[in-house]
Amino acid sequence: MTTLRSFFAVLLLALALPVAAQTQGKPPLQPIPEPPPPPPGLELDPALEPQVTILKRGTDTVEEFRIGGKLYMIKVTPAHGVPYYMIDRQGDGKFVRDDTQTQVRPPMWVIFSF
């Protein structure tokens, strides 16, 4: 019984020493200084911020994302399951499901054209 008590005492001491070592010698925390103001002449255009419209369709929640009034992405969150996105990749109003989590999409840049 004494060996079990001494084992737990050594175990407790072994766990407490690293915690005590971490708390000693740390400088006191300082508050973060305020960020500088934006440069003059730089105004944020509210038209560039996305507008999000949240709709309930049955048990699904649909979030529509627009920039400048143009719908470019839809997020569908079913009541049970994983949310998915519908994206207008070409800007022509045709939405495709974005499955980037499950597929590898190589970059498709135009390097040279005739």
C-alpha atoms as a PDB file:
ATOM      1  CA  MET A   1       0.000   0.000   0.000  1.00  0.00           C
ATOM      2  CA  THR A   2       2.841   2.396   0.756  1.00  0.00           C
ATOM      3  CA  THR A   3       4.458   1.688  -2.606  1.00  0.00           C
ATOM      4  CA  LEU A   4       1.182   2.614  -4.326  1.00  0.00           C
ATOM      5  CA  ARG A   5       1.001   5.878  -2.354  1.00  0.00           C
ATOM      6  CA  SER A   6       4.623   6.700  -3.099  1.00  0.00           C
ATOM      7  CA  PHE A   7       4.047   5.907  -6.786  1.00  0.00           C
ATOM      8  CA  PHE A   8       1.089   8.339  -6.945  1.00  0.00           C
ATOM      9  CA  ALA A   9       3.069  10.981  -5.020  1.00  0.00           C
ATOM     10  CA  VAL A  10       5.944  10.729  -7.526  1.00  0.00           C
ATOM     11  CA  LEU A  11       3.469  10.789 -10.430  1.00  0.00           C
ATOM     12  CA  LEU A  12       1.737  13.884  -9.043  1.00  0.00           C
ATOM     13  CA  LEU A  13       5.085  15.603  -8.515  1.00  0.00           C
ATOM     14  CA  ALA A  14       6.219  14.691 -12.024  1.00  0.00           C
ATOM     15  CA  LEU A  15       3.040  16.231 -13.476  1.00  0.00           C
ATOM     16  CA  ALA A  16       3.151  19.353 -11.297  1.00  0.00           C
ATOM     17  CA  LEU A  17       6.774  20.329 -11.971  1.00  0.00           C
ATOM     18  CA  PRO A  18       6.361  21.155 -15.691  1.00  0.00           C
ATOM     19  CA  VAL A  19       3.311  23.284 -14.906  1.00  0.00           C
ATOM     20  CA  ALA A  20       5.216  25.178 -12.227  1.00  0.00           C
ATOM     21  CA  ALA A  21       8.171  25.641 -14.585  1.00  0.00           C
ATOM     22  CA  GLN A  22       5.927  27.136 -17.280  1.00  0.00           C
ATOM     23  CA  THR A  23       4.426  29.738 -14.958  1.00  0.00           C
ATOM     24  CA  GLN A  24       7.762  30.978 -13.577  1.00  0.00           C
ATOM     25  CA  GLY A  25       9.864  33.501 -15.423  1.00  0.00           C
ATOM     26  CA  LYS A  26       7.202  34.703 -17.848  1.00  0.00           C
ATOM     27  CA  PRO A  27       7.029  38.462 -18.330  1.00  0.00           C
ATOM     28  CA  PRO A  28       3.663  40.047 -17.565  1.00  0.00           C
ATOM     29  CA  LEU A  29       1.326  40.355 -20.525  1.00  0.00           C
ATOM     30  CA  GLN A  30       1.091  43.728 -22.233  1.00  0.00           C
ATOM     31  CA  PRO A  31      -1.995  45.006 -24.062  1.00  0.00           C
ATOM     32  CA  ILE A  32      -1.823  45.083 -27.853  1.00  0.00           C
ATOM     33  CA  PRO A  33      -1.432  48.633 -29.204  1.00  0.00           C
ATOM     34  CA  GLU A  34      -4.222  50.067 -31.326  1.00  0.00           C
ATOM     35  CA  PRO A  35      -3.762  49.556 -35.073  1.00  0.00           C
ATOM     36  CA  PRO A  36      -2.859  52.654 -37.080  1.00  0.00           C
ATOM     37  CA  PRO A  37      -5.656  54.371 -38.993  1.00  0.00           C
ATOM     38  CA  PRO A  38      -5.985  53.635 -42.721  1.00  0.00           C
ATOM     39  CA  PRO A  39      -4.073  55.950 -45.037  1.00  0.00           C
ATOM     40  CA  PRO A  40      -5.920  59.062 -46.172  1.00  0.00           C
ATOM     41  CA  GLY A  41      -7.882  58.681 -49.375  1.00  0.00           C
ATOM     42  CA  LEU A  42      -8.520  54.964 -48.815  1.00  0.00           C
ATOM     43  CA  GLU A  43     -12.236  54.517 -48.478  1.00  0.00           C
ATOM     44  CA  LEU A  44     -13.889  51.113 -48.326  1.00  0.00           C
ATOM     45  CA  ASP A  45     -16.449  50.658 -51.061  1.00  0.00           C
ATOM     46  CA  PRO A  46     -19.609  49.094 -49.575  1.00  0.00           C
ATOM     47  CA  ALA A  47     -20.480  47.741 -53.034  1.00  0.00           C
ATOM     48  CA  LEU A  48     -17.462  45.399 -52.841  1.00  0.00           C
ATOM     49  CA  GLU A  49     -18.658  43.744 -49.651  1.00  0.00           C
ATOM     50  CA  PRO A  50     -20.749  40.621 -50.217  1.00  0.00           C
ATOM     51  CA  GLN A  51     -24.438  40.827 -49.402  1.00  0.00           C
ATOM     52  CA  VAL A  52     -25.760  37.679 -47.764  1.00  0.00           C
ATOM     53  CA  THR A  53     -29.441  36.735 -47.884  1.00  0.00           C
ATOM     54  CA  ILE A  54     -30.542  33.858 -45.640  1.00  0.00           C
ATOM     55  CA  LEU A  55     -33.663  31.935 -46.682  1.00  0.00           C
ATOM     56  CA  LYS A  56     -35.466  28.906 -45.232  1.00  0.00           C
ATOM     57  CA  ARG A  57     -36.660  26.453 -47.883  1.00  0.00           C
ATOM     58  CA  GLY A  58     -38.415  23.599 -46.155  1.00  0.00           C
ATOM     59  CA  THR A  59     -35.931  22.247 -43.628  1.00  0.00           C
ATOM     60  CA  ASP A  60     -32.917  23.575 -45.566  1.00  0.00           C
ATOM     61  CA  THR A  61     -31.196  26.894 -44.933  1.00  0.00           C
ATOM     62  CA  VAL A  62     -30.059  28.660 -48.099  1.00  0.00           C
ATOM     63  CA  GLU A  63     -27.558  31.532 -48.022  1.00  0.00           C
ATOM     64  CA  GLU A  64     -27.239  33.589 -51.205  1.00  0.00           C
ATOM     65  CA  PHE A  65     -24.051  35.629 -51.693  1.00  0.00           C
ATOM     66  CA  ARG A  66     -24.109  38.668 -53.988  1.00  0.00           C
ATOM     67  CA  ILE A  67     -21.563  41.316 -54.955  1.00  0.00           C
ATOM     68  CA  GLY A  68     -22.911  44.359 -56.726  1.00  0.00           C
ATOM     69  CA  GLY A  69     -26.342  42.683 -56.912  1.00  0.00           C
ATOM     70  CA  LYS A  70     -24.959  39.690 -58.892  1.00  0.00           C
ATOM     71  CA  LEU A  71     -25.488  36.248 -57.355  1.00  0.00           C
ATOM     72  CA  TYR A  72     -22.214  34.314 -57.402  1.00  0.00           C
ATOM     73  CA  MET A  73     -22.498  31.630 -54.696  1.00  0.00           C
ATOM     74  CA  ILE A  74     -25.202  29.709 -52.816  1.00  0.00           C
ATOM     75  CA  LYS A  75     -24.590  27.779 -49.608  1.00  0.00           C
ATOM     76  CA  VAL A  76     -27.169  25.099 -48.822  1.00  0.00           C
ATOM     77  CA  THR A  77     -27.262  23.739 -45.274  1.00  0.00           C
ATOM     78  CA  PRO A  78     -29.609  20.746 -45.008  1.00  0.00           C
ATOM     79  CA  ALA A  79     -31.295  19.951 -41.697  1.00  0.00           C
ATOM     80  CA  HIS A  80     -29.302  16.712 -41.543  1.00  0.00           C
ATOM     81  CA  GLY A  81     -26.032  16.439 -43.396  1.00  0.00           C
ATOM     82  CA  VAL A  82     -23.060  18.435 -44.580  1.00  0.00           C
ATOM     83  CA  PRO A  83     -23.476  21.915 -46.096  1.00  0.00           C
ATOM     84  CA  TYR A  84     -22.544  22.304 -49.755  1.00  0.00           C
ATOM     85  CA  TYR A  85     -21.919  25.222 -52.095  1.00  0.00           C
ATOM     86  CA  MET A  86     -23.243  26.040 -55.565  1.00  0.00           C
ATOM     87  CA  ILE A  87     -20.859  28.360 -57.429  1.00  0.00           C
ATOM     88  CA  ASP A  88     -21.222  30.331 -60.668  1.00  0.00           C
ATOM     89  CA  ARG A  89     -17.703  29.733 -61.997  1.00  0.00           C
ATOM     90  CA  GLN A  90     -18.021  31.426 -65.408  1.00  0.00           C
ATOM     91  CA  GLY A  91     -20.363  34.267 -64.403  1.00  0.00           C
ATOM     92  CA  ASP A  92     -23.040  33.065 -66.838  1.00  0.00           C
ATOM     93  CA  GLY A  93     -25.688  32.150 -64.243  1.00  0.00           C
ATOM     94  CA  LYS A  94     -25.058  28.394 -64.394  1.00  0.00           C
ATOM     95  CA  PHE A  95     -24.322  27.052 -60.931  1.00  0.00           C
ATOM     96  CA  VAL A  96     -22.304  23.907 -60.308  1.00  0.00           C
ATOM     97  CA  ARG A  97     -21.830  22.094 -57.051  1.00  0.00           C
ATOM     98  CA  ASP A  98     -18.457  22.779 -55.457  1.00  0.00           C
ATOM     99  CA  ASP A  99     -16.990  19.508 -54.193  1.00  0.00           C
ATOM    100  CA  THR A 100     -13.451  20.735 -53.574  1.00  0.00           C
ATOM    101  CA  GLN A 101     -13.241  18.787 -50.326  1.00  0.00           C
ATOM    102  CA  THR A 102     -13.521  15.451 -52.139  1.00  0.00           C
ATOM    103  CA  GLN A 103     -11.863  16.100 -55.498  1.00  0.00           C
ATOM    104  CA  VAL A 104      -8.519  17.419 -56.650  1.00  0.00           C
ATOM    105  CA  ARG A 105      -8.926  20.427 -58.916  1.00  0.00           C
ATOM    106  CA  PRO A 106      -5.750  21.218 -60.843  1.00  0.00           C
ATOM    107  CA  PRO A 107      -5.122  24.834 -61.801  1.00  0.00           C
ATOM    108  CA  MET A 108      -6.452  25.590 -65.270  1.00  0.00           C
ATOM    109  CA  TRP A 109      -4.764  28.836 -66.280  1.00  0.00           C
ATOM    110  CA  VAL A 110      -4.252  29.900 -69.867  1.00  0.00           C
ATOM    111  CA  ILE A 111      -0.495  30.036 -70.314  1.00  0.00           C
ATOM    112  CA  PHE A 112      -0.299  30.621 -74.044  1.00  0.00           C
ATOM    113  CA  SER A 113      -2.906  30.980 -76.778  1.00  0.00           C
ATOM    114  CA  PHE A 114      -2.617  31.295 -80.563  1.00  0.00           C
END
